[in-house]
Structures are given as C-alpha cells and as structure tokens.
C-alpha cells in the first residue's frame, strides 16, 4: 500500500503528519453499501486516533457539544474530522479493518526521520541501528474475548483470554527517546506456549519488513526467548545482525562447550574498573568465539560474551550473557554488551510508558469480534509515535513537555483546553500553552 508523501521540508510537523494519516486512512477497507455511509472511513479512524492522541476518552463528546454550540470544533481544526462519528460507529467499522492497513505510517515516519537526519543519533554499535523486540500483553480477561484471543486453560481455574503484541522499537544507549516501528500481533494459530507465539510473530515481522535490512545496517536485540537458532538464522537471512540474551538453562549445549573452552583456557577476560559516584565498581567481561547455538550437525556457531559487575566488596550487582553473530574481541566486547543491555528500553521507555504513563495500553477500549482490539492498539501506538516525533522535532512542544512533570499532566492540560476553546490549529494550541507558561520560543536559527 502506498499514499502520497509531503516534501521533506515539513514532513514531520503535526499538520503534515495528520494529512498523511488521513490520506492513508482514506483507503481503509469499507464493506458498507448503499446509503449507509454517513461517516467516511478517514473520519472514523481519525476520530479514534484523536482520542488516543489527546488521551481523552470524552474528547469526541466534548467536540460534538462544541460543534452544536459554536459550529466548529477541535476535532475539525486539529484533526480534520469532517463529521464526528459515535463510539458505536467507530467500533463497528474499525472491527473490520486489519491493523496492517495502518502500518505504512510507521514506515513513512521512519523514512522521514532518516531523510531529515534525525536518526543519526540512533546509530550505535558499529554504526548500526539497534532494534529491540519484545512481546507485551495489551488485554487480559477471564470473560471478555474474541476469535483473535489467545486462550490459556488452567486446570483448576477459569480460561484466560489475552491479546499480545511484539513491539519492535529503535533504541540507542544514552537516548531516552525510542522510535516504535510497525507492531506484529500474536494470534491464536501461533501456538500455545509464550515462546512459540512470540518467536512466530517475530519471524513474521522479519519476513514482512525484510526491506528495512536491505537499506540499513540493523542489529536486533532481545531477551532469551529470541536466541533460538531458527530466528537467528532468519535474522541473518534478511541481512541483519543480532545480540540476544543467552541463559544457561535454555542453551545447555552452548554452555557445555563453554566449560570445555574454559578448561582449556580459551575463554578470554577483560576487567575494567570505573567510578560510579563515590563508589568503585568492577566490570568483568568474559567472551569466547565459535560456540554452537544448539546440538546437532546443523548448529549455528555464534560468539558469546558475559558481563559481571561487582562492587568494592565483591557483591554482584549485575550479570548477564549474550550471543551474537558479530566478531567479539577485547576492543569491542564492552560495546557489544552495552548494545545488548539497551534492549531494556523496549520495556521501560516503550511498553511501560504505554501502560503506565498516560496511554492506557491495557485498557479495553473495545474488543469486537475481529480486528478491533488490535487496530485500536495500533492507533494508540501511532499516537505515541507522533508524540515521540514532536518531542524530537517541535521546539514548542519540547518546551511545554519540559515544563510539565509528566506525560499525564500534559494530557490533562490538553484535555481541559480542548474542552472549552476551539483552536485554529495545533500550533495555536501550543502557542496558547506557551503564553500561559510565559515561555519564549527557542530561536532555531
């Protein structure tokens, strides 16, 4: 699927992003026939998106009231919504829309950030982009379910119905901001074990986004669930690299070989002392090359490294081990471990932010019978992505966010302002907030 893009000069402004989102949503599948088309699909999808962007469940109700009293509303001026649909219209129509129809917007923003040079700071180990994968639940219930739910049957308890999604996120050491890419939803046919489901979804994502690895050098990061030979081989097949956590309990053959190498003195060691405030900590790196990822003649051979951090008294503060297809030596082992540890950002800066910092990812916005839960979750991810882009590109947005102590408070201010006043555009909303805080716009030259 493709849709027209704006020129690179203004591609990352709120107005242009909304225009491109509308162009994409115009092509959403619509099975309605006859005269039953009062609301366009772009109005329906943008209405749902506006709720996630403002994180205001009552945003549309307030805008309907504003339209009735003033003849115009923020739904139109900010999001370009011509006619505001009801919640039931939104749920019924979006239930028929697979989330994949929204994925081009993630790619469009990634390409725009790359073209504008904004991804330069994200290049990390060996001038590669680090892409962390992780699965997270966005619905769990003993009663509410649909055909897309994964069912977990407990012997002495109720059946648990869940929705889970793999969230690929670009991360970088020392960078708080993350960039979510198109998600991959775990579906019932993937299997019954978490490991099987998550790996199957990750493989699907790699197949569908293999072109990303043809144009960029990318290293995938992930926990121990991802360091399995089939997935690692698929990463290599699409032209990517990997640094995955590797635990002894799940890689017995590799660690048996490691014991043999250690006995023969072939495991190398690097010790670095550093200061952490007033305390002294010791980083001990161990690494070895050419170990089999599993048993068998077809085993993929990988490099292994481990970091153990201790304090001055010898107490272990951190320990973890990783496998990678990339060469490891004393000159780069610290950088490889640092890259591998950056995978935590997909949980902290992405998944936890979506669940606890104002986006309410796990809230049941609507379950439907087909695609509704996944499509609404995708719109929520897109809202988070647009906020992340504005936080990088819009200086007024940056100043306002810096003034407020949390994302939730930012949302509260936006919710209150858009209830009582209609702004000509998003820039006018930011200007009003800037004036309220007596902030002077940053001189960008």
Protein backbone atom coordinates (compact mmCIF):
# COMPACT_ATOMS: atom_id res chain seq x y z
CA UNK A 1 0.00 0.00 0.00
CA UNK A 2 1.25 3.49 -0.77
CA UNK A 3 -0.03 7.00 -0.32
CA UNK A 4 1.30 10.44 -1.26
CA UNK A 5 4.04 11.90 0.93
CA UNK A 6 4.80 15.55 1.56
CA UNK A 7 8.15 17.10 0.73
CA UNK A 8 10.92 16.64 3.29
CA UNK A 9 10.93 20.29 4.40
CA UNK A 10 7.83 19.94 6.56
CA UNK A 11 7.15 16.21 6.68
CA UNK A 12 7.44 15.96 10.44
CA UNK A 13 5.09 18.76 11.50
CA UNK A 14 1.85 17.83 13.24
CA UNK A 15 -0.26 19.24 10.40
CA UNK A 16 1.56 17.28 7.72
CA UNK A 17 1.58 14.06 9.73
CA UNK A 18 -2.19 14.31 10.20
CA UNK A 19 -2.64 14.99 6.47
CA UNK A 20 -0.61 11.89 5.62
CA UNK A 21 -2.52 9.86 8.19
CA UNK A 22 -5.80 10.98 6.63
CA UNK A 23 -4.52 10.03 3.16
CA UNK A 24 -3.68 6.56 4.45
CA UNK A 25 -7.00 6.13 6.24
CA UNK A 26 -8.92 7.14 3.12
CA UNK A 27 -8.03 3.74 1.65
CA UNK A 28 -9.17 1.65 4.63
CA UNK A 29 -11.49 -1.20 3.63
CA UNK A 30 -15.17 -0.30 3.81
CA UNK A 31 -17.80 -3.00 3.31
CA UNK A 32 -20.76 -0.66 3.61
CA UNK A 33 -23.08 -0.39 0.66
CA UNK A 34 -25.89 1.89 -0.43
CA UNK A 35 -26.68 4.99 1.59
CA UNK A 36 -25.26 3.65 4.86
CA UNK A 37 -22.10 5.78 4.53
CA UNK A 38 -22.77 8.88 6.58
CA UNK A 39 -19.27 8.83 8.05
CA UNK A 40 -16.19 8.38 5.88
CA UNK A 41 -13.59 5.81 6.93
CA UNK A 42 -10.95 8.53 7.38
CA UNK A 43 -13.27 10.39 9.78
CA UNK A 44 -13.93 7.17 11.69
CA UNK A 45 -10.25 6.25 12.00
CA UNK A 46 -9.09 9.80 12.76
CA UNK A 47 -11.80 10.12 15.40
CA UNK A 48 -10.40 7.05 17.16
CA UNK A 49 -6.85 8.37 16.71
CA UNK A 50 -7.80 11.76 18.21
CA UNK A 51 -8.92 10.04 21.43
CA UNK A 52 -5.55 8.32 21.72
CA UNK A 53 -3.54 11.41 20.80
CA UNK A 54 -5.30 13.54 23.43
CA UNK A 55 -5.74 10.54 25.75
CA UNK A 56 -9.19 11.91 26.50
CA UNK A 57 -11.97 9.27 26.48
CA UNK A 58 -14.56 12.07 26.29
CA UNK A 59 -12.77 14.14 23.63
CA UNK A 60 -15.30 13.38 20.89
CA UNK A 61 -18.30 14.01 23.16
CA UNK A 62 -16.90 17.46 24.05
CA UNK A 63 -16.26 18.23 20.38
CA UNK A 64 -19.80 17.26 19.42
CA UNK A 65 -21.10 19.65 22.08
CA UNK A 66 -18.72 22.38 20.85
CA UNK A 67 -19.91 21.88 17.27
CA UNK A 68 -23.53 22.24 18.34
CA UNK A 69 -22.84 25.48 20.24
CA UNK A 70 -20.15 27.10 18.05
CA UNK A 71 -20.48 25.40 14.67
CA UNK A 72 -16.86 24.17 14.75
CA UNK A 73 -14.66 22.05 17.00
CA UNK A 74 -11.10 20.92 17.65
CA UNK A 75 -11.97 17.62 16.02
CA UNK A 76 -12.10 19.54 12.72
CA UNK A 77 -9.39 22.17 13.25
CA UNK A 78 -6.78 19.85 14.82
CA UNK A 79 -7.53 16.50 13.18
CA UNK A 80 -9.50 17.42 10.06
CA UNK A 81 -12.54 15.36 11.05
CA UNK A 82 -15.49 16.44 8.93
CA UNK A 83 -18.26 14.60 10.78
CA UNK A 84 -17.74 13.15 14.24
CA UNK A 85 -18.97 9.54 14.45
CA UNK A 86 -20.37 7.92 17.57
CA UNK A 87 -18.37 5.42 19.60
CA UNK A 88 -20.54 2.59 18.26
CA UNK A 89 -19.89 3.64 14.66
CA UNK A 90 -16.15 3.72 15.35
CA UNK A 91 -16.09 0.27 16.94
CA UNK A 92 -18.32 -1.37 14.35
CA UNK A 93 -16.43 0.00 11.35
CA UNK A 94 -12.89 -0.43 12.70
CA UNK A 95 -13.62 -4.01 13.76
CA UNK A 96 -13.49 -4.89 10.06
CA UNK A 97 -10.13 -3.18 9.46
CA UNK A 98 -6.99 -5.32 9.93
CA UNK A 99 -4.25 -3.31 11.69
CA UNK A 100 -1.85 -3.94 8.78
CA UNK A 101 -3.62 -1.20 6.83
CA UNK A 102 -2.12 1.34 9.28
CA UNK A 103 1.45 0.05 9.19
CA UNK A 104 2.67 2.23 6.26
CA UNK A 105 2.51 5.25 8.57
CA UNK A 106 5.27 3.77 10.76
CA UNK A 107 7.46 3.25 7.70
CA UNK A 108 6.66 6.72 6.39
CA UNK A 109 7.77 8.37 9.64
CA UNK A 110 10.92 6.23 9.84
CA UNK A 111 11.86 7.22 6.28
CA UNK A 112 11.13 10.87 7.01
CA UNK A 113 13.31 10.85 10.14
CA UNK A 114 16.11 9.18 8.19
CA UNK A 115 15.83 11.64 5.28
CA UNK A 116 15.94 14.61 7.66
CA UNK A 117 19.00 13.28 9.51
CA UNK A 118 17.13 12.76 12.77
CA UNK A 119 18.17 9.11 13.04
CA UNK A 120 21.86 9.96 13.16
CA UNK A 121 21.93 9.93 16.98
CA UNK A 122 20.37 6.46 16.99
CA UNK A 123 23.28 4.81 15.20
CA UNK A 124 25.14 2.91 17.89
CA UNK A 125 27.40 -0.17 17.85
CA UNK A 126 29.43 -0.35 14.61
CA UNK A 127 27.28 2.46 13.15
CA UNK A 128 24.21 0.26 13.22
CA UNK A 129 20.65 0.89 14.30
CA UNK A 130 19.65 -1.13 17.34
CA UNK A 131 16.18 -2.63 17.05
CA UNK A 132 14.79 -4.23 20.22
CA UNK A 133 11.98 -6.77 20.13
CA UNK A 134 9.69 -7.68 23.00
CA UNK A 135 6.23 -9.13 23.47
CA UNK A 136 3.73 -7.43 25.75
CA UNK A 137 0.09 -8.06 26.66
CA UNK A 138 -2.48 -5.38 25.93
CA UNK A 139 -5.58 -7.32 27.00
CA UNK A 140 -6.21 -9.97 29.64
CA UNK A 141 -9.59 -11.18 30.90
CA UNK A 142 -11.41 -14.23 32.19
CA UNK A 143 -14.59 -13.28 30.34
CA UNK A 144 -14.13 -10.74 27.53
CA UNK A 145 -12.78 -12.43 24.42
CA UNK A 146 -12.96 -12.73 20.64
CA UNK A 147 -11.75 -15.16 17.98
CA UNK A 148 -8.38 -13.39 17.90
CA UNK A 149 -7.69 -14.03 21.60
CA UNK A 150 -5.06 -16.48 22.80
CA UNK A 151 -6.67 -18.87 25.27
CA UNK A 152 -4.84 -20.22 28.31
CA UNK A 153 -6.61 -23.09 30.02
CA UNK A 154 -5.86 -23.64 33.70
CA UNK A 155 -6.63 -27.00 35.24
CA UNK A 156 -8.40 -25.69 38.33
CA UNK A 157 -9.24 -22.15 37.22
CA UNK A 158 -11.00 -20.11 34.57
CA UNK A 159 -9.79 -19.78 30.99
CA UNK A 160 -7.65 -16.69 30.45
CA UNK A 161 -8.12 -14.69 27.25
CA UNK A 162 -5.25 -12.47 26.18
CA UNK A 163 -4.02 -10.30 23.34
CA UNK A 164 -0.26 -9.92 22.93
CA UNK A 165 1.81 -7.88 20.53
CA UNK A 166 5.50 -7.85 19.60
CA UNK A 167 6.68 -4.24 19.62
CA UNK A 168 9.83 -3.54 17.54
CA UNK A 169 11.47 -0.35 18.79
CA UNK A 170 14.59 1.54 17.70
CA UNK A 171 16.74 2.24 20.77
CA UNK A 172 20.15 3.75 21.46
CA UNK A 173 22.42 3.79 24.53
CA UNK A 174 22.07 7.07 26.43
CA UNK A 175 18.99 8.12 24.44
CA UNK A 176 15.72 8.32 26.39
CA UNK A 177 13.57 8.61 23.27
CA UNK A 178 12.61 5.43 21.41
CA UNK A 179 11.04 5.05 17.99
CA UNK A 180 8.34 2.37 17.64
CA UNK A 181 8.00 0.59 14.31
CA UNK A 182 5.04 -1.36 12.96
CA UNK A 183 3.94 -3.99 15.51
CA UNK A 184 3.25 -7.67 14.96
CA UNK A 185 0.26 -9.17 16.74
CA UNK A 186 0.37 -12.65 18.21
CA UNK A 187 -2.59 -14.70 17.05
CA UNK A 188 -4.05 -17.98 18.34
CA UNK A 189 -2.67 -20.06 15.48
CA UNK A 190 0.88 -19.26 16.58
CA UNK A 191 0.78 -21.98 19.24
CA UNK A 192 0.09 -22.35 22.92
CA UNK A 193 3.45 -21.57 24.53
CA UNK A 194 4.59 -17.97 25.01
CA UNK A 195 7.96 -18.80 23.50
CA UNK A 196 6.43 -20.32 20.35
CA UNK A 197 3.93 -17.49 19.91
CA UNK A 198 6.42 -14.67 20.36
CA UNK A 199 9.03 -16.27 18.11
CA UNK A 200 6.45 -16.97 15.40
CA UNK A 201 5.35 -13.31 15.48
CA UNK A 202 8.97 -12.12 15.37
CA UNK A 203 9.65 -14.33 12.33
CA UNK A 204 6.56 -12.95 10.63
CA UNK A 205 7.70 -9.40 11.33
CA UNK A 206 11.13 -10.13 9.85
CA UNK A 207 9.58 -11.57 6.69
CA UNK A 208 7.24 -8.64 6.21
CA UNK A 209 9.86 -5.96 6.89
CA UNK A 210 12.93 -7.54 5.32
CA UNK A 211 13.39 -4.50 3.05
CA UNK A 212 14.34 -2.49 6.14
CA UNK A 213 17.51 -4.58 6.48
CA UNK A 214 18.41 -4.09 2.82
CA UNK A 215 18.70 -0.33 3.24
CA UNK A 216 20.03 -0.02 6.80
CA UNK A 217 22.56 -1.85 8.95
CA UNK A 218 20.50 -3.16 11.85
CA UNK A 219 21.26 -5.27 14.90
CA UNK A 220 18.30 -6.92 16.60
CA UNK A 221 18.18 -7.07 20.39
CA UNK A 222 16.02 -9.33 22.52
CA UNK A 223 15.74 -11.46 25.63
CA UNK A 224 16.50 -15.18 25.89
CA UNK A 225 13.31 -16.15 24.01
CA UNK A 226 14.84 -14.78 20.81
CA UNK A 227 18.22 -16.54 20.94
CA UNK A 228 16.91 -19.65 19.18
CA UNK A 229 18.53 -20.95 16.02
CA UNK A 230 15.56 -20.65 13.61
CA UNK A 231 15.02 -16.99 14.46
CA UNK A 232 18.75 -16.20 14.48
CA UNK A 233 19.15 -17.78 11.04
CA UNK A 234 16.21 -15.76 9.72
CA UNK A 235 17.80 -12.55 11.04
CA UNK A 236 20.96 -13.40 9.09
CA UNK A 237 18.96 -14.36 6.00
CA UNK A 238 17.37 -10.88 5.76
CA UNK A 239 20.75 -9.21 6.21
CA UNK A 240 20.55 -8.29 9.89
CA UNK A 241 22.73 -8.94 12.91
CA UNK A 242 21.72 -9.94 16.42
CA UNK A 243 22.71 -9.58 20.07
CA UNK A 244 20.38 -11.73 22.17
CA UNK A 245 20.40 -12.70 25.83
CA UNK A 246 21.60 -16.30 26.31
CA UNK A 247 20.84 -18.21 29.52
CA UNK A 248 22.45 -21.50 30.61
CA UNK A 249 19.04 -23.08 31.30
CA UNK A 250 17.94 -22.76 27.67
CA UNK A 251 21.29 -23.26 25.90
CA UNK A 252 22.82 -26.34 27.54
CA UNK A 253 24.91 -27.36 24.54
CA UNK A 254 26.49 -23.92 24.23
CA UNK A 255 27.39 -23.78 27.90
CA UNK A 256 28.81 -27.33 27.83
CA UNK A 257 31.13 -26.17 25.04
CA UNK A 258 31.91 -23.07 27.08
CA UNK A 259 33.00 -25.22 30.02
CA UNK A 260 35.36 -27.10 27.72
CA UNK A 261 36.83 -23.88 26.34
CA UNK A 262 37.23 -22.52 29.85
CA UNK A 263 39.07 -25.64 30.96
CA UNK A 264 41.42 -25.20 28.01
CA UNK A 265 41.99 -21.51 28.74
CA UNK A 266 40.22 -20.32 25.58
CA UNK A 267 37.71 -18.03 27.30
CA UNK A 268 39.15 -14.52 27.31
CA UNK A 269 38.68 -12.00 30.08
CA UNK A 270 38.72 -8.21 30.28
CA UNK A 271 38.45 -6.34 33.60
CA UNK A 272 37.65 -2.64 33.80
CA UNK A 273 37.38 -0.52 36.93
CA UNK A 274 35.19 2.58 36.94
CA UNK A 275 33.73 5.12 39.32
CA UNK A 276 30.00 5.38 39.98
CA UNK A 277 29.61 8.48 42.09
CA UNK A 278 31.81 7.87 45.13
CA UNK A 279 31.75 4.10 44.71
CA UNK A 280 34.11 1.93 42.70
CA UNK A 281 32.69 -0.84 40.53
CA UNK A 282 34.43 -3.63 38.65
CA UNK A 283 33.22 -4.82 35.24
CA UNK A 284 34.44 -8.29 34.31
CA UNK A 285 33.87 -9.26 30.69
CA UNK A 286 34.31 -12.84 29.52
CA UNK A 287 33.99 -13.81 25.88
CA UNK A 288 34.53 -16.74 23.54
CA UNK A 289 34.05 -17.42 19.84
CA UNK A 290 32.53 -20.17 17.71
CA UNK A 291 30.12 -21.89 20.08
CA UNK A 292 27.13 -23.92 18.80
CA UNK A 293 23.75 -22.38 19.50
CA UNK A 294 22.22 -25.85 19.79
CA UNK A 295 23.09 -29.53 19.45
CA UNK A 296 23.34 -31.12 16.01
CA UNK A 297 25.44 -31.02 12.85
CA UNK A 298 23.47 -28.05 11.53
CA UNK A 299 24.13 -25.90 14.59
CA UNK A 300 24.72 -22.19 14.03
CA UNK A 301 28.01 -21.08 15.58
CA UNK A 302 27.94 -17.80 17.46
CA UNK A 303 30.06 -15.57 19.67
CA UNK A 304 29.33 -15.42 23.41
CA UNK A 305 30.05 -12.74 25.99
CA UNK A 306 29.19 -12.11 29.63
CA UNK A 307 29.36 -9.12 31.95
CA UNK A 308 29.57 -9.38 35.73
CA UNK A 309 29.61 -6.11 37.69
CA UNK A 310 30.68 -6.17 41.34
CA UNK A 311 31.15 -3.52 44.00
CA UNK A 312 34.26 -2.92 46.09
CA UNK A 313 33.21 -5.71 48.47
CA UNK A 314 32.76 -8.23 45.66
CA UNK A 315 28.95 -8.20 45.75
CA UNK A 316 27.47 -8.99 42.34
CA UNK A 317 25.43 -6.00 41.12
CA UNK A 318 24.70 -7.24 37.59
CA UNK A 319 25.29 -10.33 35.50
CA UNK A 320 24.06 -11.25 32.05
CA UNK A 321 25.29 -13.05 28.96
CA UNK A 322 24.67 -12.53 25.25
CA UNK A 323 25.23 -14.29 21.93
CA UNK A 324 25.90 -12.54 18.64
CA UNK A 325 26.82 -13.32 15.06
CA UNK A 326 29.31 -10.43 15.11
CA UNK A 327 33.01 -10.83 15.95
CA UNK A 328 33.88 -10.19 19.59
CA UNK A 329 37.29 -9.21 20.92
CA UNK A 330 38.75 -7.16 23.75
CA UNK A 331 38.31 -4.00 21.74
CA UNK A 332 34.57 -4.24 21.26
CA UNK A 333 33.19 -6.59 23.94
CA UNK A 334 32.14 -3.67 26.18
CA UNK A 335 30.30 -2.02 23.27
CA UNK A 336 28.52 -5.27 22.36
CA UNK A 337 27.36 -5.75 25.95
CA UNK A 338 26.23 -2.13 26.15
CA UNK A 339 24.21 -2.63 22.97
CA UNK A 340 22.72 -5.87 24.27
CA UNK A 341 21.70 -4.24 27.54
CA UNK A 342 19.94 -1.44 25.65
CA UNK A 343 17.14 -3.92 24.86
CA UNK A 344 15.62 -2.96 28.23
CA UNK A 345 14.47 0.29 26.65
CA UNK A 346 11.75 -1.54 24.74
CA UNK A 347 10.25 -2.44 28.12
CA UNK A 348 10.98 0.74 30.06
CA UNK A 349 10.67 3.55 27.52
CA UNK A 350 8.09 1.86 25.29
CA UNK A 351 5.90 -0.84 26.86
CA UNK A 352 5.87 0.56 30.40
CA UNK A 353 5.29 4.09 29.08
CA UNK A 354 2.32 2.85 27.06
CA UNK A 355 0.89 1.08 30.09
CA UNK A 356 1.64 3.44 32.99
CA UNK A 357 2.46 6.91 31.60
CA UNK A 358 -0.86 8.01 30.18
CA UNK A 359 -1.55 5.83 27.13
CA UNK A 360 -3.51 3.11 29.00
CA UNK A 361 -2.47 0.39 26.53
CA UNK A 362 -4.03 -2.38 28.63
CA UNK A 363 -7.41 -0.66 28.90
CA UNK A 364 -10.20 -2.40 26.97
CA UNK A 365 -11.14 0.37 24.53
CA UNK A 366 -13.20 -2.09 22.53
CA UNK A 367 -12.86 -5.78 21.81
CA UNK A 368 -15.10 -6.51 18.83
CA UNK A 369 -15.31 -9.80 17.00
CA UNK A 370 -12.49 -9.48 14.50
CA UNK A 371 -9.71 -6.86 14.44
CA UNK A 372 -10.94 -4.10 16.75
CA UNK A 373 -8.62 -4.69 19.71
CA UNK A 374 -5.51 -4.88 17.52
CA UNK A 375 -6.49 -1.93 15.32
CA UNK A 376 -7.20 0.31 18.31
CA UNK A 377 -3.89 -0.76 19.88
CA UNK A 378 -2.16 0.20 16.62
CA UNK A 379 -3.78 3.65 16.67
CA UNK A 380 -2.57 4.05 20.25
CA UNK A 381 0.97 3.12 19.15
CA UNK A 382 0.71 5.65 16.32
CA UNK A 383 -0.33 8.33 18.81
CA UNK A 384 2.72 7.52 20.93
CA UNK A 385 4.88 7.64 17.79
CA UNK A 386 3.58 11.09 16.83
CA UNK A 387 4.21 12.38 20.34
CA UNK A 388 7.75 10.97 20.15
CA UNK A 389 8.35 12.71 16.80
CA UNK A 390 7.02 16.03 18.12
CA UNK A 391 9.24 15.64 21.17
CA UNK A 392 12.22 15.49 18.80
CA UNK A 393 11.18 17.97 16.14
CA UNK A 394 8.85 20.61 17.60
CA UNK A 395 10.66 23.11 19.86
CA UNK A 396 7.45 24.49 21.36
CA UNK A 397 6.25 21.00 22.16
CA UNK A 398 9.63 20.28 23.77
CA UNK A 399 9.48 23.37 25.96
CA UNK A 400 5.94 22.64 27.13
CA UNK A 401 6.72 18.99 27.90
CA UNK A 402 9.82 20.06 29.82
CA UNK A 403 7.73 22.44 31.91
CA UNK A 404 5.26 19.72 32.92
CA UNK A 405 6.38 16.94 35.27
CA UNK A 406 4.73 14.04 33.42
CA UNK A 407 3.02 12.93 30.23
CA UNK A 408 -0.22 12.54 32.18
CA UNK A 409 -0.19 16.20 33.18
CA UNK A 410 0.46 17.24 29.59
CA UNK A 411 -2.56 15.22 28.53
CA UNK A 412 -4.64 16.74 31.32
CA UNK A 413 -3.82 20.26 30.10
CA UNK A 414 -4.66 19.37 26.51
CA UNK A 415 -7.90 17.71 27.58
CA UNK A 416 -9.03 20.73 29.60
CA UNK A 417 -8.09 23.32 26.96
CA UNK A 418 -9.78 21.50 24.09
CA UNK A 419 -12.98 21.18 26.13
CA UNK A 420 -13.52 24.93 26.40
CA UNK A 421 -11.82 26.56 23.43
CA UNK A 422 -11.53 25.81 19.74
CA UNK A 423 -8.01 26.36 18.40
CA UNK A 424 -7.38 27.20 14.77
CA UNK A 425 -4.68 24.54 14.56
CA UNK A 426 -2.21 22.58 16.68
CA UNK A 427 0.30 25.43 16.53
CA UNK A 428 -2.28 27.76 18.08
CA UNK A 429 -2.82 25.27 20.91
CA UNK A 430 0.92 25.15 21.61
CA UNK A 431 1.16 28.96 21.42
CA UNK A 432 -1.65 29.29 23.98
CA UNK A 433 0.16 26.91 26.34
CA UNK A 434 3.46 28.73 25.78
CA UNK A 435 1.83 32.06 26.68
CA UNK A 436 0.26 30.53 29.78
CA UNK A 437 3.66 29.39 30.98
CA UNK A 438 5.28 32.69 29.82
CA UNK A 439 7.70 30.70 27.68
CA UNK A 440 9.72 32.27 24.88
CA UNK A 441 10.03 30.13 21.74
CA UNK A 442 13.51 28.74 21.20
CA UNK A 443 15.47 30.52 18.48
CA UNK A 444 16.12 27.75 15.94
CA UNK A 445 18.06 30.00 13.60
